[in-house]
């Protein structure tokens, strides 16, 4: 079972006497929001999203970057997460990042920016979310990602250990599209994983019932989506996992 992560990163914005910040304390929150953003990286590593939509001007700007652009099933131009341009928790193409990335502001960062959240608590939430995400990646119940059709000879079937290795592995130079449980040549985003697992848990519940391990995973997935919805971005996965929990 998931154990709450208690380590807290310390705020790094110091206010010196007679500085502009000391004279105008209201501007400190703007600097603190930047510290939070640069410490976090959850909106880029696949913990909150499975892809980023692009506009035509973004496509030209991203030429020569590590990002591999593709079309989704509806013909929209996107790139998959985790983002290939993410270096640690920082963007390696910050000056040419897509418009969607430039305009995005999660609820947690907005709260620090407008003063309704303090930086230390926000950093604590980020650390907690990363620990919860790592648990979900490492503890997928056995068999839940079993291939429904025979895999090609050179393809490695997905297991919980494989997923964890994919998450930790360096980004590949080529991507064959967003992972859906049938590809193994790119890191599988946590958000894709949770989206993929939900209908499988639902089908298993209706057919044979969930095991104790399944229920523990679903409960932790619900707890994770609840925090995503409250702290970062509204998500339909919250209701989907809530409906599963309600059937326990």
Protein backbone atom coordinates (compact mmCIF):
# COMPACT_ATOMS: atom_id res chain seq x y z
CA UNK A 1 0.00 0.00 0.00
CA UNK A 2 1.16 3.52 -0.77
CA UNK A 3 2.93 5.29 2.12
CA UNK A 4 2.78 9.07 2.12
CA UNK A 5 6.00 10.81 1.15
CA UNK A 6 6.90 13.28 3.86
CA UNK A 7 10.10 14.94 2.67
CA UNK A 8 9.59 18.60 1.84
CA UNK A 9 11.72 20.71 -0.48
CA UNK A 10 12.69 24.05 0.98
CA UNK A 11 11.69 27.33 -0.68
CA UNK A 12 14.64 28.98 -2.40
CA UNK A 13 13.49 32.60 -2.70
CA UNK A 14 15.48 34.72 -0.25
CA UNK A 15 14.49 38.31 0.42
CA UNK A 16 17.42 40.55 1.33
CA UNK A 17 17.00 43.70 3.37
CA UNK A 18 16.56 46.80 1.19
CA UNK A 19 15.94 44.62 -1.89
CA UNK A 20 13.12 45.30 -4.32
CA UNK A 21 11.33 42.32 -2.82
CA UNK A 22 11.58 43.78 0.66
CA UNK A 23 10.21 47.08 -0.58
CA UNK A 24 7.42 45.39 -2.54
CA UNK A 25 6.66 42.08 -0.74
CA UNK A 26 3.68 41.35 -2.99
CA UNK A 27 6.03 40.49 -5.89
CA UNK A 28 7.63 37.60 -3.99
CA UNK A 29 4.77 35.30 -4.94
CA UNK A 30 5.63 35.79 -8.63
CA UNK A 31 9.16 34.58 -7.99
CA UNK A 32 7.93 31.73 -5.82
CA UNK A 33 5.58 30.50 -8.56
CA UNK A 34 8.60 30.27 -10.88
CA UNK A 35 10.49 28.24 -8.25
CA UNK A 36 7.53 25.87 -7.94
CA UNK A 37 7.23 25.42 -11.71
CA UNK A 38 10.94 24.71 -12.15
CA UNK A 39 10.90 22.22 -9.26
CA UNK A 40 7.82 20.34 -10.41
CA UNK A 41 7.76 19.11 -14.02
CA UNK A 42 4.53 17.11 -13.57
CA UNK A 43 2.82 18.81 -16.51
CA UNK A 44 5.67 17.63 -18.77
CA UNK A 45 6.55 14.13 -17.55
CA UNK A 46 3.23 12.44 -18.31
CA UNK A 47 1.90 12.55 -14.76
CA UNK A 48 -0.99 14.89 -15.71
CA UNK A 49 -1.32 14.58 -19.49
CA UNK A 50 -0.71 11.97 -22.17
CA UNK A 51 -0.14 14.40 -25.06
CA UNK A 52 0.15 18.08 -25.99
CA UNK A 53 -1.82 19.59 -28.89
CA UNK A 54 0.14 21.77 -31.32
CA UNK A 55 -0.69 24.66 -33.63
CA UNK A 56 0.81 25.15 -37.07
CA UNK A 57 3.31 27.75 -35.85
CA UNK A 58 4.51 25.32 -33.16
CA UNK A 59 5.40 22.68 -35.74
CA UNK A 60 7.87 25.00 -37.47
CA UNK A 61 9.38 26.17 -34.17
CA UNK A 62 9.93 22.58 -32.99
CA UNK A 63 12.03 21.54 -35.99
CA UNK A 64 15.43 20.39 -34.82
CA UNK A 65 14.24 19.70 -31.25
CA UNK A 66 13.94 16.27 -29.58
CA UNK A 67 10.14 16.43 -29.83
CA UNK A 68 8.62 14.02 -32.33
CA UNK A 69 5.39 15.36 -33.81
CA UNK A 70 2.59 13.11 -34.98
CA UNK A 71 -1.11 13.10 -35.79
CA UNK A 72 -3.61 11.48 -33.43
CA UNK A 73 -6.55 9.33 -34.55
CA UNK A 74 -8.60 12.48 -35.25
CA UNK A 75 -5.87 14.08 -37.33
CA UNK A 76 -4.84 16.63 -34.70
CA UNK A 77 -1.15 17.49 -34.52
CA UNK A 78 0.29 16.48 -31.16
CA UNK A 79 3.32 15.10 -29.38
CA UNK A 80 3.23 12.45 -26.69
CA UNK A 81 4.24 12.77 -23.07
CA UNK A 82 6.61 12.29 -21.30
CA UNK A 83 8.09 15.20 -23.25
CA UNK A 84 11.36 14.36 -24.97
CA UNK A 85 12.59 17.90 -24.28
CA UNK A 86 12.23 17.56 -20.51
CA UNK A 87 15.60 17.57 -18.72
CA UNK A 88 15.07 16.71 -15.07
CA UNK A 89 12.30 19.14 -14.22
CA UNK A 90 13.38 21.82 -16.70
CA UNK A 91 12.52 22.45 -20.35
CA UNK A 92 15.53 22.12 -22.64
CA UNK A 93 13.78 24.11 -25.40
CA UNK A 94 12.22 26.78 -23.18
CA UNK A 95 12.60 29.65 -25.67
CA UNK A 96 10.89 27.69 -28.46
CA UNK A 97 8.40 25.71 -26.38
CA UNK A 98 4.89 25.29 -27.86
CA UNK A 99 2.09 27.75 -27.20
CA UNK A 100 0.16 25.25 -25.08
CA UNK A 101 3.17 24.98 -22.77
CA UNK A 102 3.62 28.76 -22.60
CA UNK A 103 0.00 29.39 -21.65
CA UNK A 104 -0.50 26.50 -19.21
CA UNK A 105 -0.81 27.37 -15.53
CA UNK A 106 -1.89 24.65 -13.12
CA UNK A 107 -4.14 25.40 -10.16
CA UNK A 108 -1.30 24.82 -7.67
CA UNK A 109 1.03 27.32 -9.34
CA UNK A 110 -1.83 29.81 -9.77
CA UNK A 111 -2.49 29.57 -6.04
CA UNK A 112 1.14 30.42 -5.22
CA UNK A 113 1.09 33.22 -7.77
CA UNK A 114 -2.06 34.85 -6.34
CA UNK A 115 -1.02 34.26 -2.75
CA UNK A 116 -3.71 31.74 -1.79
CA UNK A 117 -1.11 28.93 -1.47
CA UNK A 118 2.29 29.14 0.20
CA UNK A 119 5.36 27.82 -1.59
CA UNK A 120 6.40 25.31 1.07
CA UNK A 121 3.00 23.59 1.07
CA UNK A 122 2.92 23.57 -2.73
CA UNK A 123 6.35 21.94 -2.90
CA UNK A 124 5.11 19.36 -0.43
CA UNK A 125 2.16 18.56 -2.69
CA UNK A 126 4.53 18.10 -5.63
CA UNK A 127 6.76 15.71 -3.68
CA UNK A 128 3.70 13.76 -2.56
CA UNK A 129 2.37 13.51 -6.13
CA UNK A 130 5.71 12.23 -7.43
CA UNK A 131 5.80 9.54 -4.76
CA UNK A 132 2.21 8.51 -5.51
CA UNK A 133 2.96 8.38 -9.23
CA UNK A 134 6.04 6.23 -8.67
CA UNK A 135 3.96 3.82 -6.58
CA UNK A 136 1.33 3.52 -9.31
CA UNK A 137 3.98 2.81 -11.94
CA UNK A 138 5.72 0.20 -9.83
CA UNK A 139 2.66 -1.66 -8.53
CA UNK A 140 0.46 -2.46 -11.54
CA UNK A 141 -1.36 -5.70 -10.64
CA UNK A 142 -0.01 -8.70 -12.49
CA UNK A 143 -1.87 -9.46 -15.70
CA UNK A 144 -3.63 -6.10 -16.06
CA UNK A 145 -1.44 -5.13 -19.01
CA UNK A 146 -1.38 -8.57 -20.59
CA UNK A 147 -1.47 -8.38 -24.38
CA UNK A 148 -4.93 -9.19 -25.79
CA UNK A 149 -3.44 -10.26 -29.11
CA UNK A 150 -0.15 -12.08 -29.77
CA UNK A 151 2.74 -9.63 -29.75
CA UNK A 152 5.17 -9.40 -32.68
CA UNK A 153 8.24 -11.59 -32.29
CA UNK A 154 10.55 -8.69 -31.41
CA UNK A 155 8.12 -7.01 -28.99
CA UNK A 156 8.49 -7.33 -25.23
CA UNK A 157 5.16 -7.87 -23.40
CA UNK A 158 4.41 -5.15 -20.87
CA UNK A 159 4.75 -6.02 -17.21
CA UNK A 160 4.90 -3.82 -14.12
CA UNK A 161 8.72 -4.05 -14.10
CA UNK A 162 8.86 -3.21 -17.81
CA UNK A 163 6.71 -0.11 -17.26
CA UNK A 164 8.96 1.11 -14.47
CA UNK A 165 12.04 0.63 -16.66
CA UNK A 166 10.32 2.46 -19.53
CA UNK A 167 9.45 5.35 -17.19
CA UNK A 168 13.04 5.62 -15.97
CA UNK A 169 14.73 5.04 -19.33
CA UNK A 170 16.17 7.89 -21.45
CA UNK A 171 13.80 9.16 -24.13
CA UNK A 172 14.29 7.33 -27.46
CA UNK A 173 15.17 9.24 -30.62
CA UNK A 174 12.17 7.90 -32.47
CA UNK A 175 8.61 7.45 -31.31
CA UNK A 176 5.95 5.35 -32.94
CA UNK A 177 3.00 7.13 -31.34
CA UNK A 178 1.49 7.29 -27.90
CA UNK A 179 1.82 4.08 -25.92
CA UNK A 180 -1.48 2.25 -25.57
CA UNK A 181 -0.36 -1.10 -24.23
CA UNK A 182 0.73 -2.40 -27.62
CA UNK A 183 3.99 -0.48 -28.01
CA UNK A 184 7.18 -0.78 -26.04
CA UNK A 185 9.56 1.58 -27.86
CA UNK A 186 8.85 4.72 -25.83
CA UNK A 187 8.22 5.63 -22.20
CA UNK A 188 4.63 5.04 -21.14
CA UNK A 189 3.15 8.10 -19.46
CA UNK A 190 1.49 7.60 -16.10
CA UNK A 191 -1.64 9.32 -17.41
CA UNK A 192 -1.80 6.97 -20.39
CA UNK A 193 -1.34 4.06 -18.02
CA UNK A 194 -4.21 5.13 -15.75
CA UNK A 195 -6.45 5.74 -18.76
CA UNK A 196 -5.56 2.32 -20.16
CA UNK A 197 -6.11 0.47 -16.88
CA UNK A 198 -9.52 1.87 -15.97
CA UNK A 199 -11.60 -0.04 -18.56
CA UNK A 200 -9.62 -3.18 -17.83
CA UNK A 201 -10.34 -2.95 -14.11
CA UNK A 202 -14.00 -2.27 -14.90
CA UNK A 203 -14.24 -5.31 -17.20
CA UNK A 204 -12.50 -7.54 -14.66
CA UNK A 205 -14.83 -6.34 -11.89
CA UNK A 206 -17.86 -7.20 -14.02
CA UNK A 207 -16.53 -10.58 -15.16
CA UNK A 208 -14.66 -12.18 -12.25
CA UNK A 209 -14.30 -9.50 -9.59
CA UNK A 210 -11.27 -7.55 -8.44
CA UNK A 211 -8.58 -9.04 -6.22
CA UNK A 212 -7.35 -7.33 -3.05
CA UNK A 213 -4.31 -6.15 -5.01
CA UNK A 214 -6.57 -4.73 -7.73
CA UNK A 215 -8.68 -2.87 -5.17
CA UNK A 216 -5.60 -1.42 -3.50
CA UNK A 217 -4.36 -0.16 -6.87
CA UNK A 218 -7.72 1.31 -7.84
CA UNK A 219 -7.98 3.04 -4.45
CA UNK A 220 -4.54 4.60 -4.92
CA UNK A 221 -5.37 5.58 -8.51
CA UNK A 222 -8.52 7.29 -7.23
CA UNK A 223 -6.49 9.10 -4.54
CA UNK A 224 -4.04 10.24 -7.23
CA UNK A 225 -6.72 11.50 -9.65
CA UNK A 226 -8.46 13.24 -6.76
CA UNK A 227 -5.30 15.27 -6.09
CA UNK A 228 -4.78 15.94 -9.79
CA UNK A 229 -8.33 17.30 -10.02
CA UNK A 230 -8.00 19.43 -6.89
CA UNK A 231 -4.43 20.71 -7.24
CA UNK A 232 -3.61 20.75 -10.94
CA UNK A 233 -6.23 20.13 -13.62
CA UNK A 234 -9.85 18.97 -13.75
CA UNK A 235 -10.00 15.42 -15.07
CA UNK A 236 -12.73 12.94 -16.07
CA UNK A 237 -10.57 10.13 -14.66
CA UNK A 238 -11.58 11.25 -11.16
CA UNK A 239 -15.19 10.24 -11.72
CA UNK A 240 -14.24 7.05 -13.55
CA UNK A 241 -12.06 5.77 -10.73
CA UNK A 242 -14.59 7.00 -8.16
CA UNK A 243 -17.26 4.83 -9.78
CA UNK A 244 -14.96 1.82 -9.53
CA UNK A 245 -14.27 2.52 -5.86
CA UNK A 246 -18.00 2.83 -5.20
CA UNK A 247 -18.47 -0.75 -6.42
CA UNK A 248 -16.05 -2.28 -3.90
